[in-house]
PDB file of N, CA and C in Angstrom:
ATOM      1  N   MET A   1     -55.790 -56.959  -6.347  1.00  0.00           N
ATOM      2  CA  MET A   1     -55.907 -56.042  -5.249  1.00  0.00           C
ATOM      3  C   MET A   1     -56.523 -56.739  -4.063  1.00  0.00           C
ATOM      4  N   THR A   2     -56.055 -56.319  -2.920  1.00  0.00           N
ATOM      5  CA  THR A   2     -56.540 -56.967  -1.710  1.00  0.00           C
ATOM      6  C   THR A   2     -57.715 -56.237  -1.096  1.00  0.00           C
ATOM      7  N   GLY A   3     -58.006 -55.079  -1.582  1.00  0.00           N
ATOM      8  CA  GLY A   3     -59.134 -54.341  -1.057  1.00  0.00           C
ATOM      9  C   GLY A   3     -58.767 -53.434   0.108  1.00  0.00           C
ATOM     10  N   ARG A   4     -57.495 -53.468   0.521  1.00  0.00           N
ATOM     11  CA  ARG A   4     -57.089 -52.600   1.617  1.00  0.00           C
ATOM     12  C   ARG A   4     -56.837 -51.191   1.075  1.00  0.00           C
ATOM     13  N   PRO A   5     -57.122 -50.182   1.885  1.00  0.00           N
ATOM     14  CA  PRO A   5     -56.875 -48.823   1.425  1.00  0.00           C
ATOM     15  C   PRO A   5     -55.364 -48.546   1.313  1.00  0.00           C
ATOM     16  N   VAL A   6     -55.038 -47.727   0.356  1.00  0.00           N
ATOM     17  CA  VAL A   6     -53.647 -47.336   0.167  1.00  0.00           C
ATOM     18  C   VAL A   6     -53.271 -46.362   1.286  1.00  0.00           C
ATOM     19  N   PRO A   7     -52.169 -46.635   2.001  1.00  0.00           N
ATOM     20  CA  PRO A   7     -51.811 -45.722   3.098  1.00  0.00           C
ATOM     21  C   PRO A   7     -51.408 -44.352   2.552  1.00  0.00           C
ATOM     22  N   THR A   8     -51.878 -43.334   3.196  1.00  0.00           N
ATOM     23  CA  THR A   8     -51.517 -41.968   2.814  1.00  0.00           C
ATOM     24  C   THR A   8     -50.514 -41.449   3.838  1.00  0.00           C
ATOM     25  N   PRO A   9     -49.658 -40.552   3.415  1.00  0.00           N
ATOM     26  CA  PRO A   9     -48.679 -40.029   4.373  1.00  0.00           C
ATOM     27  C   PRO A   9     -49.375 -39.254   5.484  1.00  0.00           C
ATOM     28  N   SER A  10     -48.869 -39.455   6.686  1.00  0.00           N
ATOM     29  CA  SER A  10     -49.470 -38.758   7.824  1.00  0.00           C
ATOM     30  C   SER A  10     -49.055 -37.289   7.800  1.00  0.00           C
ATOM     31  N   GLN A  11     -49.779 -36.500   8.573  1.00  0.00           N
ATOM     32  CA  GLN A  11     -49.476 -35.077   8.651  1.00  0.00           C
ATOM     33  C   GLN A  11     -48.083 -34.855   9.233  1.00  0.00           C
ATOM     34  N   GLU A  12     -47.662 -35.726  10.159  1.00  0.00           N
ATOM     35  CA  GLU A  12     -46.335 -35.592  10.754  1.00  0.00           C
ATOM     36  C   GLU A  12     -45.238 -35.783   9.705  1.00  0.00           C
ATOM     37  N   SER A  13     -45.395 -36.790   8.845  1.00  0.00           N
ATOM     38  CA  SER A  13     -44.361 -37.026   7.838  1.00  0.00           C
ATOM     39  C   SER A  13     -44.337 -35.906   6.802  1.00  0.00           C
ATOM     40  N   ILE A  14     -45.502 -35.324   6.505  1.00  0.00           N
ATOM     41  CA  ILE A  14     -45.550 -34.195   5.577  1.00  0.00           C
ATOM     42  C   ILE A  14     -44.840 -32.997   6.203  1.00  0.00           C
ATOM     43  N   ASN A  15     -45.125 -32.729   7.490  1.00  0.00           N
ATOM     44  CA  ASN A  15     -44.471 -31.620   8.179  1.00  0.00           C
ATOM     45  C   ASN A  15     -42.965 -31.846   8.274  1.00  0.00           C
ATOM     46  N   ALA A  16     -42.553 -33.069   8.547  1.00  0.00           N
ATOM     47  CA  ALA A  16     -41.127 -33.362   8.651  1.00  0.00           C
ATOM     48  C   ALA A  16     -40.438 -33.136   7.313  1.00  0.00           C
ATOM     49  N   ALA A  17     -41.090 -33.532   6.231  1.00  0.00           N
ATOM     50  CA  ALA A  17     -40.510 -33.326   4.907  1.00  0.00           C
ATOM     51  C   ALA A  17     -40.438 -31.839   4.577  1.00  0.00           C
ATOM     52  N   ALA A  18     -41.465 -31.091   4.956  1.00  0.00           N
ATOM     53  CA  ALA A  18     -41.463 -29.654   4.697  1.00  0.00           C
ATOM     54  C   ALA A  18     -40.360 -28.969   5.503  1.00  0.00           C
ATOM     55  N   TRP A  19     -40.206 -29.362   6.767  1.00  0.00           N
ATOM     56  CA  TRP A  19     -39.147 -28.771   7.582  1.00  0.00           C
ATOM     57  C   TRP A  19     -37.771 -29.148   7.050  1.00  0.00           C
ATOM     58  N   ALA A  20     -37.606 -30.360   6.585  1.00  0.00           N
ATOM     59  CA  ALA A  20     -36.316 -30.783   6.030  1.00  0.00           C
ATOM     60  C   ALA A  20     -35.980 -29.958   4.794  1.00  0.00           C
ATOM     61  N   ALA A  21     -36.957 -29.724   3.944  1.00  0.00           N
ATOM     62  CA  ALA A  21     -36.726 -28.915   2.747  1.00  0.00           C
ATOM     63  C   ALA A  21     -36.409 -27.470   3.136  1.00  0.00           C
ATOM     64  N   TYR A  22     -37.110 -26.941   4.129  1.00  0.00           N
ATOM     65  CA  TYR A  22     -36.856 -25.579   4.586  1.00  0.00           C
ATOM     66  C   TYR A  22     -35.459 -25.464   5.185  1.00  0.00           C
ATOM     67  N   TYR A  23     -35.091 -26.423   6.022  1.00  0.00           N
ATOM     68  CA  TYR A  23     -33.776 -26.379   6.663  1.00  0.00           C
ATOM     69  C   TYR A  23     -32.668 -26.482   5.629  1.00  0.00           C
ATOM     70  N   GLN A  24     -32.855 -27.338   4.656  1.00  0.00           N
ATOM     71  CA  GLN A  24     -31.839 -27.490   3.614  1.00  0.00           C
ATOM     72  C   GLN A  24     -31.695 -26.184   2.823  1.00  0.00           C
ATOM     73  N   ALA A  25     -32.787 -25.496   2.591  1.00  0.00           N
ATOM     74  CA  ALA A  25     -32.727 -24.229   1.857  1.00  0.00           C
ATOM     75  C   ALA A  25     -32.042 -23.150   2.690  1.00  0.00           C
ATOM     76  N   GLN A  26     -32.192 -23.225   4.014  1.00  0.00           N
ATOM     77  CA  GLN A  26     -31.594 -22.230   4.898  1.00  0.00           C
ATOM     78  C   GLN A  26     -30.193 -22.614   5.358  1.00  0.00           C
ATOM     79  N   ALA A  27     -29.727 -23.805   5.010  1.00  0.00           N
ATOM     80  CA  ALA A  27     -28.411 -24.273   5.452  1.00  0.00           C
ATOM     81  C   ALA A  27     -27.319 -23.354   4.917  1.00  0.00           C
ATOM     82  N   GLN A  28     -26.242 -23.313   5.647  1.00  0.00           N
ATOM     83  CA  GLN A  28     -25.151 -22.440   5.259  1.00  0.00           C
ATOM     84  C   GLN A  28     -24.519 -22.918   3.966  1.00  0.00           C
ATOM     85  N   GLN A  29     -24.307 -21.979   3.080  1.00  0.00           N
ATOM     86  CA  GLN A  29     -23.715 -22.261   1.788  1.00  0.00           C
ATOM     87  C   GLN A  29     -22.302 -21.693   1.756  1.00  0.00           C
ATOM     88  N   PRO A  30     -21.351 -22.420   1.141  1.00  0.00           N
ATOM     89  CA  PRO A  30     -19.992 -21.878   1.061  1.00  0.00           C
ATOM     90  C   PRO A  30     -19.934 -20.673   0.124  1.00  0.00           C
ATOM     91  N   VAL A  31     -19.247 -19.628   0.571  1.00  0.00           N
ATOM     92  CA  VAL A  31     -19.092 -18.407  -0.206  1.00  0.00           C
ATOM     93  C   VAL A  31     -17.615 -18.040  -0.210  1.00  0.00           C
ATOM     94  N   VAL A  32     -17.052 -17.839  -1.391  1.00  0.00           N
ATOM     95  CA  VAL A  32     -15.658 -17.418  -1.485  1.00  0.00           C
ATOM     96  C   VAL A  32     -15.614 -15.920  -1.200  1.00  0.00           C
ATOM     97  N   THR A  33     -14.986 -15.558  -0.066  1.00  0.00           N
ATOM     98  CA  THR A  33     -14.950 -14.149   0.319  1.00  0.00           C
ATOM     99  C   THR A  33     -13.680 -13.453  -0.146  1.00  0.00           C
ATOM    100  N   ARG A  34     -12.667 -14.232  -0.467  1.00  0.00           N
ATOM    101  CA  ARG A  34     -11.428 -13.651  -0.985  1.00  0.00           C
ATOM    102  C   ARG A  34     -10.829 -14.640  -1.974  1.00  0.00           C
ATOM    103  N   PRO A  35     -10.708 -14.257  -3.234  1.00  0.00           N
ATOM    104  CA  PRO A  35     -10.128 -15.185  -4.205  1.00  0.00           C
ATOM    105  C   PRO A  35      -8.647 -15.420  -3.919  1.00  0.00           C
ATOM    106  N   ALA A  36      -8.147 -16.529  -4.402  1.00  0.00           N
ATOM    107  CA  ALA A  36      -6.743 -16.863  -4.192  1.00  0.00           C
ATOM    108  C   ALA A  36      -5.841 -15.883  -4.935  1.00  0.00           C
ATOM    109  N   LYS A  37      -4.730 -15.551  -4.304  1.00  0.00           N
ATOM    110  CA  LYS A  37      -3.763 -14.663  -4.932  1.00  0.00           C
ATOM    111  C   LYS A  37      -2.943 -15.487  -5.921  1.00  0.00           C
ATOM    112  N   ARG A  38      -2.801 -15.006  -7.112  1.00  0.00           N
ATOM    113  CA  ARG A  38      -2.078 -15.733  -8.149  1.00  0.00           C
ATOM    114  C   ARG A  38      -0.913 -14.917  -8.660  1.00  0.00           C
ATOM    115  N   THR A  39       0.117 -15.620  -9.119  1.00  0.00           N
ATOM    116  CA  THR A  39       1.274 -14.982  -9.720  1.00  0.00           C
ATOM    117  C   THR A  39       0.886 -14.438 -11.088  1.00  0.00           C
ATOM    118  N   MET A  40       1.358 -13.248 -11.400  1.00  0.00           N
ATOM    119  CA  MET A  40       1.072 -12.632 -12.697  1.00  0.00           C
ATOM    120  C   MET A  40       2.094 -13.159 -13.706  1.00  0.00           C
ATOM    121  N   HIS A  41       1.783 -14.308 -14.297  1.00  0.00           N
ATOM    122  CA  HIS A  41       2.739 -14.987 -15.168  1.00  0.00           C
ATOM    123  C   HIS A  41       3.058 -14.179 -16.429  1.00  0.00           C
ATOM    124  N   GLY A  42       2.085 -13.466 -16.953  1.00  0.00           N
ATOM    125  CA  GLY A  42       2.333 -12.662 -18.157  1.00  0.00           C
ATOM    126  C   GLY A  42       3.381 -11.594 -17.912  1.00  0.00           C
ATOM    127  N   LEU A  43       3.241 -10.879 -16.805  1.00  0.00           N
ATOM    128  CA  LEU A  43       4.207  -9.840 -16.457  1.00  0.00           C
ATOM    129  C   LEU A  43       5.591 -10.435 -16.240  1.00  0.00           C
ATOM    130  N   HIS A  44       5.655 -11.537 -15.521  1.00  0.00           N
ATOM    131  CA  HIS A  44       6.950 -12.169 -15.260  1.00  0.00           C
ATOM    132  C   HIS A  44       7.584 -12.704 -16.544  1.00  0.00           C
ATOM    133  N   ALA A  45       6.775 -13.196 -17.462  1.00  0.00           N
ATOM    134  CA  ALA A  45       7.319 -13.685 -18.735  1.00  0.00           C
ATOM    135  C   ALA A  45       7.934 -12.525 -19.537  1.00  0.00           C
ATOM    136  N   VAL A  46       7.241 -11.380 -19.548  1.00  0.00           N
ATOM    137  CA  VAL A  46       7.775 -10.217 -20.262  1.00  0.00           C
ATOM    138  C   VAL A  46       9.073  -9.751 -19.607  1.00  0.00           C
ATOM    139  N   LEU A  47       9.095  -9.693 -18.283  1.00  0.00           N
ATOM    140  CA  LEU A  47      10.308  -9.267 -17.582  1.00  0.00           C
ATOM    141  C   LEU A  47      11.459 -10.246 -17.794  1.00  0.00           C
ATOM    142  N   THR A  48      11.159 -11.539 -17.819  1.00  0.00           N
ATOM    143  CA  THR A  48      12.196 -12.539 -18.062  1.00  0.00           C
ATOM    144  C   THR A  48      12.757 -12.381 -19.467  1.00  0.00           C
ATOM    145  N   PHE A  49      11.892 -12.159 -20.423  1.00  0.00           N
ATOM    146  CA  PHE A  49      12.344 -11.965 -21.803  1.00  0.00           C
ATOM    147  C   PHE A  49      13.155 -10.672 -21.940  1.00  0.00           C
ATOM    148  N   ALA A  50      12.667  -9.593 -21.310  1.00  0.00           N
ATOM    149  CA  ALA A  50      13.332  -8.295 -21.428  1.00  0.00           C
ATOM    150  C   ALA A  50      14.705  -8.285 -20.760  1.00  0.00           C
ATOM    151  N   THR A  51      14.878  -9.091 -19.707  1.00  0.00           N
ATOM    152  CA  THR A  51      16.165  -9.122 -18.996  1.00  0.00           C
ATOM    153  C   THR A  51      17.015 -10.316 -19.415  1.00  0.00           C
ATOM    154  N   CYS A  52      16.666 -10.932 -20.536  1.00  0.00           N
ATOM    155  CA  CYS A  52      17.412 -12.085 -21.070  1.00  0.00           C
ATOM    156  C   CYS A  52      17.548 -13.217 -20.050  1.00  0.00           C
ATOM    157  N   GLY A  53      16.488 -13.462 -19.312  1.00  0.00           N
ATOM    158  CA  GLY A  53      16.449 -14.586 -18.391  1.00  0.00           C
ATOM    159  C   GLY A  53      16.875 -14.275 -16.974  1.00  0.00           C
ATOM    160  N   LEU A  54      17.373 -13.080 -16.706  1.00  0.00           N
ATOM    161  CA  LEU A  54      17.812 -12.752 -15.356  1.00  0.00           C
ATOM    162  C   LEU A  54      16.651 -12.684 -14.356  1.00  0.00           C
ATOM    163  N   TRP A  55      15.465 -12.420 -14.845  1.00  0.00           N
ATOM    164  CA  TRP A  55      14.293 -12.319 -13.972  1.00  0.00           C
ATOM    165  C   TRP A  55      13.716 -13.699 -13.635  1.00  0.00           C
ATOM    166  N   LEU A  56      14.141 -14.746 -14.293  1.00  0.00           N
ATOM    167  CA  LEU A  56      13.571 -16.084 -14.101  1.00  0.00           C
ATOM    168  C   LEU A  56      13.651 -16.570 -12.646  1.00  0.00           C
ATOM    169  N   PRO A  57      14.774 -16.428 -11.924  1.00  0.00           N
ATOM    170  CA  PRO A  57      14.781 -16.865 -10.524  1.00  0.00           C
ATOM    171  C   PRO A  57      13.768 -16.118  -9.650  1.00  0.00           C
ATOM    172  N   VAL A  58      13.585 -14.837  -9.913  1.00  0.00           N
ATOM    173  CA  VAL A  58      12.599 -14.056  -9.156  1.00  0.00           C
ATOM    174  C   VAL A  58      11.196 -14.586  -9.429  1.00  0.00           C
ATOM    175  N   TRP A  59      10.913 -14.875 -10.689  1.00  0.00           N
ATOM    176  CA  TRP A  59       9.611 -15.408 -11.081  1.00  0.00           C
ATOM    177  C   TRP A  59       9.346 -16.736 -10.387  1.00  0.00           C
ATOM    178  N   LEU A  60      10.312 -17.629 -10.421  1.00  0.00           N
ATOM    179  CA  LEU A  60      10.139 -18.941  -9.792  1.00  0.00           C
ATOM    180  C   LEU A  60       9.943 -18.801  -8.285  1.00  0.00           C
ATOM    181  N   LEU A  61      10.707 -17.942  -7.661  1.00  0.00           N
ATOM    182  CA  LEU A  61      10.561 -17.737  -6.218  1.00  0.00           C
ATOM    183  C   LEU A  61       9.178 -17.170  -5.886  1.00  0.00           C
ATOM    184  N   ALA A  62       8.737 -16.186  -6.651  1.00  0.00           N
ATOM    185  CA  ALA A  62       7.404 -15.608  -6.419  1.00  0.00           C
ATOM    186  C   ALA A  62       6.311 -16.652  -6.612  1.00  0.00           C
ATOM    187  N   TRP A  63       6.458 -17.469  -7.626  1.00  0.00           N
ATOM    188  CA  TRP A  63       5.461 -18.505  -7.902  1.00  0.00           C
ATOM    189  C   TRP A  63       5.410 -19.523  -6.773  1.00  0.00           C
ATOM    190  N   ILE A  64       6.558 -20.001  -6.335  1.00  0.00           N
ATOM    191  CA  ILE A  64       6.603 -21.004  -5.267  1.00  0.00           C
ATOM    192  C   ILE A  64       6.049 -20.428  -3.968  1.00  0.00           C
ATOM    193  N   LEU A  65       6.461 -19.221  -3.614  1.00  0.00           N
ATOM    194  CA  LEU A  65       5.976 -18.616  -2.371  1.00  0.00           C
ATOM    195  C   LEU A  65       4.479 -18.358  -2.415  1.00  0.00           C
ATOM    196  N   ASN A  66       3.956 -17.949  -3.554  1.00  0.00           N
ATOM    197  CA  ASN A  66       2.506 -17.736  -3.669  1.00  0.00           C
ATOM    198  C   ASN A  66       1.737 -19.039  -3.532  1.00  0.00           C
ATOM    199  N   GLU A  67       2.306 -20.125  -4.025  1.00  0.00           N
ATOM    200  CA  GLU A  67       1.613 -21.413  -3.934  1.00  0.00           C
ATOM    201  C   GLU A  67       1.669 -21.989  -2.526  1.00  0.00           C
ATOM    202  N   LEU A  68       2.740 -21.744  -1.802  1.00  0.00           N
ATOM    203  CA  LEU A  68       2.927 -22.360  -0.488  1.00  0.00           C
ATOM    204  C   LEU A  68       2.323 -21.561   0.659  1.00  0.00           C
ATOM    205  N   HIS A  69       2.254 -20.264   0.542  1.00  0.00           N
ATOM    206  CA  HIS A  69       1.818 -19.435   1.654  1.00  0.00           C
ATOM    207  C   HIS A  69       0.317 -19.586   1.890  1.00  0.00           C
ATOM    208  N   PRO A  70      -0.100 -19.942   3.119  1.00  0.00           N
ATOM    209  CA  PRO A  70      -1.531 -20.167   3.373  1.00  0.00           C
ATOM    210  C   PRO A  70      -2.396 -18.914   3.249  1.00  0.00           C
ATOM    211  N   ALA A  71      -1.831 -17.727   3.438  1.00  0.00           N
ATOM    212  CA  ALA A  71      -2.634 -16.501   3.312  1.00  0.00           C
ATOM    213  C   ALA A  71      -3.027 -16.235   1.872  1.00  0.00           C
ATOM    214  N   ASN A  72      -2.373 -16.876   0.921  1.00  0.00           N
ATOM    215  CA  ASN A  72      -2.679 -16.653  -0.491  1.00  0.00           C
ATOM    216  C   ASN A  72      -3.738 -17.616  -1.018  1.00  0.00           C
ATOM    217  N   ARG A  73      -4.239 -18.490  -0.189  1.00  0.00           N
ATOM    218  CA  ARG A  73      -5.284 -19.418  -0.603  1.00  0.00           C
ATOM    219  C   ARG A  73      -6.632 -18.693  -0.593  1.00  0.00           C
ATOM    220  N   ALA A  74      -7.571 -19.223  -1.359  1.00  0.00           N
ATOM    221  CA  ALA A  74      -8.916 -18.651  -1.364  1.00  0.00           C
ATOM    222  C   ALA A  74      -9.545 -18.850   0.010  1.00  0.00           C
ATOM    223  N   LYS A  75     -10.236 -17.845   0.493  1.00  0.00           N
ATOM    224  CA  LYS A  75     -10.897 -17.925   1.794  1.00  0.00           C
ATOM    225  C   LYS A  75     -12.372 -18.229   1.567  1.00  0.00           C
ATOM    226  N   VAL A  76     -12.847 -19.311   2.182  1.00  0.00           N
ATOM    227  CA  VAL A  76     -14.231 -19.733   2.023  1.00  0.00           C
ATOM    228  C   VAL A  76     -14.914 -19.616   3.377  1.00  0.00           C
ATOM    229  N   GLU A  77     -16.012 -18.917   3.429  1.00  0.00           N
ATOM    230  CA  GLU A  77     -16.818 -18.805   4.640  1.00  0.00           C
ATOM    231  C   GLU A  77     -18.192 -19.414   4.369  1.00  0.00           C
ATOM    232  N   TYR A  78     -18.846 -19.831   5.440  1.00  0.00           N
ATOM    233  CA  TYR A  78     -20.193 -20.401   5.308  1.00  0.00           C
ATOM    234  C   TYR A  78     -21.186 -19.395   5.853  1.00  0.00           C
ATOM    235  N   ARG A  79     -22.149 -19.054   5.004  1.00  0.00           N
ATOM    236  CA  ARG A  79     -23.189 -18.075   5.378  1.00  0.00           C
ATOM    237  C   ARG A  79     -24.538 -18.697   5.240  1.00  0.00           C
TER     238      ARG A  79
END
């Protein structure tokens, strides 16, 4: 040991750390306000089976359109 005192954190650095922790706690967090719209695959499978496959093109079209349309995506807002 050299005999020098160990430096202690200054009041400014303590305050800065406290403010950083407070700001991080108050920072906006992502919140899903509307879940993504999904195709009801179970219903479409039953309809495809019941119609001997005639419903399959409708199912595929509904699935593709639901995946591509931007309004069907989950909406995330920051609060």
